[in-house]
Amino acid sequence: MLSMVLLAASCQRGEFASSSEAVVGGRTAINNREAHNYMMYIADNLVTDLLDELELGLSISARGAETSAHFTFDKRLISVGSTWTVKAEDSHLNGLTIRCTAEDSWALDFTGDYVFGSEENDYPTSISLKAVRYVPADEEDPARGWEVTFSGERKEWKDAKKQKSDASYSCTFRSGPGPAPLRYLNTRGSGAAGWNQLFGDVYMDVYKAGEKIDVCCLSFEGSPYQATFIRGL
């Protein structure tokens, strides 16, 4: 049941339903809507926040900066083997590490509290993501962006004091199936922020007190607004 306050989301940062409590588990229409919105926080906030940090690091690196108030780093972010770490205390992803693993390929890892919606929904979240720069085969195709594969987990507690108990809820999430990437594309030109086209699937398994109680999939075939939500795979 992963309770949370749902506010307007972001990637393009679309508009989604609001509710005082989200419920994952059960078969009602409202549960489906809230589970859909919860998964959008993963695809359209958590993942895009990581990509925003990666693009910020790349822009700082491209300017040849030797120091940064936002990152600590050892060498240019396009250098294989380089590691950049978010040190800004006001970042949602303080402690995030970004490593260049190959040309146009980076590994991002984050473990810490992360907000879904309101500040009260600040819970332990971890994610490991691989981002590969997407360049279309057709030079006339304006699409630019990222192909990402990721997996992670999040824990939430029903107790108002956020104390772990037998009633705690958690979820694991991943792109897929298997190694299939989730593609974030910008087709509006280099001056436009964010990504207006998403392709691929996000999967989520939900647990209560360690027992799996639900499985969901959010499938993207273009506009983030038109994602298809499936339960009980």
Protein backbone atom coordinates (compact mmCIF):
# COMPACT_ATOMS: atom_id res chain seq x y z
CA MET A 1 0.00 0.00 0.00
CA LEU A 2 2.82 2.58 -0.27
CA SER A 3 1.04 5.65 1.09
CA MET A 4 1.99 9.08 -0.26
CA VAL A 5 0.59 12.46 -1.22
CA LEU A 6 0.39 12.79 -4.98
CA LEU A 7 1.14 16.22 -6.38
CA ALA A 8 1.77 17.43 -9.92
CA ALA A 9 4.61 15.47 -11.45
CA SER A 10 7.29 16.55 -13.79
CA CYS A 11 9.52 15.14 -17.68
CA GLN A 12 8.00 16.65 -19.34
CA ARG A 13 6.61 17.04 -16.48
CA GLY A 14 3.06 15.97 -17.08
CA GLU A 15 -0.03 16.50 -14.97
CA PHE A 16 -1.36 13.58 -12.97
CA ALA A 17 -4.22 12.92 -10.57
CA SER A 18 -3.96 14.21 -7.00
CA SER A 19 -4.99 12.32 -3.89
CA SER A 20 -4.33 12.40 -0.16
CA GLU A 21 -3.29 8.75 -0.21
CA ALA A 22 -2.05 6.36 -2.85
CA VAL A 23 -2.77 2.67 -2.53
CA VAL A 24 -0.94 -0.12 -4.30
CA GLY A 25 -2.73 -3.44 -3.99
CA GLY A 26 -6.38 -4.31 -4.54
CA ARG A 27 -8.32 -4.10 -7.77
CA THR A 28 -10.35 -0.89 -7.71
CA ALA A 29 -10.13 1.77 -10.40
CA ILE A 30 -8.76 4.35 -7.99
CA ASN A 31 -6.05 1.92 -6.90
CA ASN A 32 -5.07 1.48 -10.53
CA ARG A 33 -4.86 5.24 -10.98
CA GLU A 34 -2.75 5.74 -7.87
CA ALA A 35 -0.43 2.85 -8.73
CA HIS A 36 -0.04 4.36 -12.21
CA ASN A 37 0.86 7.72 -10.69
CA TYR A 38 3.28 6.14 -8.24
CA MET A 39 5.14 4.51 -11.11
CA MET A 40 5.21 7.83 -12.92
CA TYR A 41 7.18 9.22 -9.97
CA ILE A 42 9.79 6.59 -10.74
CA ALA A 43 9.90 7.17 -14.50
CA ASP A 44 9.20 10.89 -14.54
CA ASN A 45 10.89 12.20 -11.40
CA LEU A 46 13.49 9.83 -10.00
CA VAL A 47 14.99 8.72 -13.33
CA THR A 48 14.74 12.17 -14.91
CA ASP A 49 16.38 13.74 -11.84
CA LEU A 50 19.34 11.41 -12.39
CA LEU A 51 19.49 12.35 -16.06
CA ASP A 52 19.27 16.05 -15.18
CA GLU A 53 22.28 15.63 -12.87
CA LEU A 54 24.18 13.80 -15.60
CA GLU A 55 23.46 16.54 -18.15
CA LEU A 56 24.41 19.24 -15.62
CA GLY A 57 27.70 17.47 -14.99
CA LEU A 58 28.37 17.17 -18.71
CA SER A 59 27.69 20.87 -19.25
CA ILE A 60 30.05 21.84 -16.41
CA SER A 61 32.67 19.46 -17.76
CA ALA A 62 32.31 20.88 -21.29
CA ARG A 63 33.09 24.37 -19.96
CA GLY A 64 36.37 23.09 -18.62
CA ALA A 65 35.59 23.98 -15.01
CA GLU A 66 38.18 22.84 -12.49
CA THR A 67 35.87 23.08 -9.47
CA SER A 68 32.11 23.05 -8.85
CA ALA A 69 29.82 23.99 -5.98
CA HIS A 70 27.52 21.14 -7.00
CA PHE A 71 29.94 18.26 -7.68
CA THR A 72 33.22 16.87 -6.53
CA PHE A 73 35.17 15.28 -9.38
CA ASP A 74 38.57 14.06 -10.43
CA LYS A 75 38.61 14.71 -14.20
CA ARG A 76 36.35 15.51 -17.13
CA LEU A 77 33.11 13.58 -17.06
CA ILE A 78 33.65 12.30 -20.60
CA SER A 79 36.93 10.64 -19.53
CA VAL A 80 36.52 6.91 -19.01
CA GLY A 81 37.05 6.14 -15.33
CA SER A 82 36.08 9.60 -14.08
CA THR A 83 33.79 9.86 -11.04
CA TRP A 84 31.58 12.81 -10.18
CA THR A 85 29.65 13.02 -6.89
CA VAL A 86 26.78 15.36 -6.06
CA LYS A 87 27.74 17.31 -2.94
CA ALA A 88 25.12 20.09 -3.03
CA GLU A 89 23.05 19.83 0.13
CA ASP A 90 19.97 21.26 -1.59
CA SER A 91 19.98 18.51 -4.24
CA HIS A 92 17.35 15.76 -4.06
CA LEU A 93 20.18 13.41 -5.00
CA ASN A 94 22.94 14.42 -2.62
CA GLY A 95 25.55 11.66 -2.71
CA LEU A 96 24.73 10.50 -6.24
CA THR A 97 27.79 9.17 -8.05
CA ILE A 98 28.26 9.37 -11.81
CA ARG A 99 30.98 7.27 -13.43
CA CYS A 100 32.02 7.33 -17.07
CA THR A 101 32.28 3.64 -18.01
CA ALA A 102 32.83 3.97 -21.77
CA GLU A 103 32.50 6.52 -24.53
CA ASP A 104 29.03 8.09 -24.23
CA SER A 105 28.12 5.74 -21.38
CA TRP A 106 27.73 6.45 -17.66
CA ALA A 107 26.76 4.53 -14.51
CA LEU A 108 24.77 6.41 -11.87
CA ASP A 109 24.18 5.17 -8.32
CA PHE A 110 22.12 6.73 -5.56
CA THR A 111 21.12 5.61 -2.07
CA GLY A 112 19.31 7.95 0.29
CA ASP A 113 15.97 9.50 1.18
CA TYR A 114 14.05 10.74 -1.85
CA VAL A 115 10.77 12.67 -1.96
CA PHE A 116 7.75 11.48 -3.93
CA GLY A 117 5.44 14.50 -3.93
CA SER A 118 5.38 16.28 -0.56
CA GLU A 119 8.29 16.47 1.86
CA GLU A 120 6.57 14.04 4.23
CA ASN A 121 7.01 11.31 1.62
CA ASP A 122 10.77 11.30 1.98
CA TYR A 123 11.74 7.61 2.19
CA PRO A 124 14.81 5.40 1.64
CA THR A 125 15.34 4.88 -2.06
CA SER A 126 18.15 3.32 -4.04
CA ILE A 127 18.70 3.13 -7.78
CA SER A 128 21.46 2.01 -10.12
CA LEU A 129 21.16 3.33 -13.66
CA LYS A 130 23.17 3.01 -16.85
CA ALA A 131 22.75 5.86 -19.33
CA VAL A 132 23.94 5.64 -22.94
CA ARG A 133 23.69 8.65 -25.19
CA TYR A 134 21.11 8.11 -27.94
CA VAL A 135 21.98 9.25 -31.43
CA PRO A 136 19.53 8.33 -34.24
CA ALA A 137 20.76 6.43 -37.28
CA ASP A 138 19.16 9.02 -39.56
CA GLU A 139 21.12 12.28 -39.35
CA GLU A 140 17.96 14.22 -40.25
CA ASP A 141 16.10 12.78 -37.27
CA PRO A 142 16.02 15.54 -34.59
CA ALA A 143 15.63 13.11 -31.69
CA ARG A 144 18.34 13.25 -29.03
CA GLY A 145 18.40 11.81 -25.56
CA TRP A 146 19.25 8.73 -23.53
CA GLU A 147 18.77 5.00 -23.42
CA VAL A 148 18.66 3.90 -19.79
CA THR A 149 18.48 0.63 -17.93
CA PHE A 150 17.94 0.70 -14.19
CA SER A 151 16.86 -1.16 -11.09
CA GLY A 152 16.12 0.01 -7.58
CA GLU A 153 13.98 -0.23 -4.48
CA ARG A 154 12.07 2.01 -2.10
CA LYS A 155 10.80 1.43 1.44
CA GLU A 156 7.94 3.19 3.16
CA TRP A 157 6.43 2.82 6.62
CA LYS A 158 2.81 3.24 7.58
CA ASP A 159 3.85 4.49 11.02
CA ALA A 160 3.55 8.29 11.10
CA LYS A 161 6.98 8.53 12.73
CA LYS A 162 8.47 6.53 9.84
CA GLN A 163 9.59 3.78 12.17
CA LYS A 164 10.15 0.40 10.57
CA SER A 165 7.57 -2.19 11.56
CA ASP A 166 5.97 -5.41 10.40
CA ALA A 167 3.50 -3.25 8.47
CA SER A 168 6.21 -1.69 6.33
CA TYR A 169 5.81 -1.59 2.57
CA SER A 170 8.42 -1.67 -0.14
CA CYS A 171 8.75 -1.93 -3.86
CA THR A 172 11.42 -2.94 -6.32
CA PHE A 173 11.43 -1.40 -9.77
CA ARG A 174 13.33 -1.87 -13.00
CA SER A 175 13.36 -1.18 -16.71
CA GLY A 176 12.76 -4.11 -18.95
CA PRO A 177 12.01 -6.72 -19.88
CA GLY A 178 15.53 -8.00 -19.35
CA PRO A 179 18.16 -5.66 -20.80
CA ALA A 180 15.66 -3.66 -22.87
CA PRO A 181 16.26 0.07 -22.26
CA LEU A 182 13.84 2.87 -21.56
CA ARG A 183 14.41 5.59 -24.14
CA TYR A 184 14.05 9.28 -23.19
CA LEU A 185 13.97 11.48 -26.29
CA ASN A 186 13.80 15.19 -27.01
CA THR A 187 12.39 15.83 -30.49
CA ARG A 188 11.84 19.57 -29.96
CA GLY A 189 15.36 20.78 -30.61
CA SER A 190 18.53 21.28 -28.58
CA GLY A 191 17.18 24.42 -26.88
CA ALA A 192 14.22 22.60 -25.31
CA ALA A 193 14.52 21.17 -21.81
CA GLY A 194 13.37 17.71 -20.81
CA TRP A 195 12.19 14.81 -22.92
CA ASN A 196 8.85 14.70 -24.72
CA GLN A 197 8.99 11.11 -25.99
CA LEU A 198 9.42 7.93 -23.90
CA PHE A 199 9.66 4.37 -25.17
CA GLY A 200 9.93 1.19 -23.13
CA ASP A 201 8.60 -0.40 -19.95
CA VAL A 202 8.95 0.07 -16.21
CA TYR A 203 8.10 -2.82 -13.87
CA MET A 204 7.32 -2.64 -10.15
CA ASP A 205 6.88 -5.40 -7.56
CA VAL A 206 5.16 -4.38 -4.32
CA TYR A 207 5.79 -6.03 -0.95
CA LYS A 208 4.09 -5.88 2.44
CA ALA A 209 6.17 -7.12 5.37
CA GLY A 210 8.42 -8.87 2.86
CA GLU A 211 5.63 -10.68 0.99
CA LYS A 212 4.94 -9.78 -2.64
CA ILE A 213 1.39 -8.48 -3.00
CA ASP A 214 1.32 -6.85 -6.42
CA VAL A 215 3.09 -6.56 -9.78
CA CYS A 216 2.65 -3.63 -12.17
CA CYS A 217 3.96 -2.42 -15.52
CA LEU A 218 3.92 1.06 -17.04
CA SER A 219 4.51 0.96 -20.79
CA PHE A 220 5.54 3.99 -22.86
CA GLU A 221 5.08 4.27 -26.62
CA GLY A 222 5.69 7.96 -27.23
CA SER A 223 3.93 10.70 -25.30
CA PRO A 224 4.34 10.24 -21.52
CA TYR A 225 0.68 11.24 -21.17
CA GLN A 226 -0.39 8.10 -23.03
CA ALA A 227 1.47 5.48 -21.00
CA THR A 228 -0.35 2.17 -20.57
CA PHE A 229 -0.67 0.77 -17.06
CA ILE A 230 -1.00 -3.00 -16.48
CA ARG A 231 -1.44 -4.84 -13.18
CA GLY A 232 -1.07 -8.41 -12.02
CA LEU A 233 1.44 -9.60 -14.62
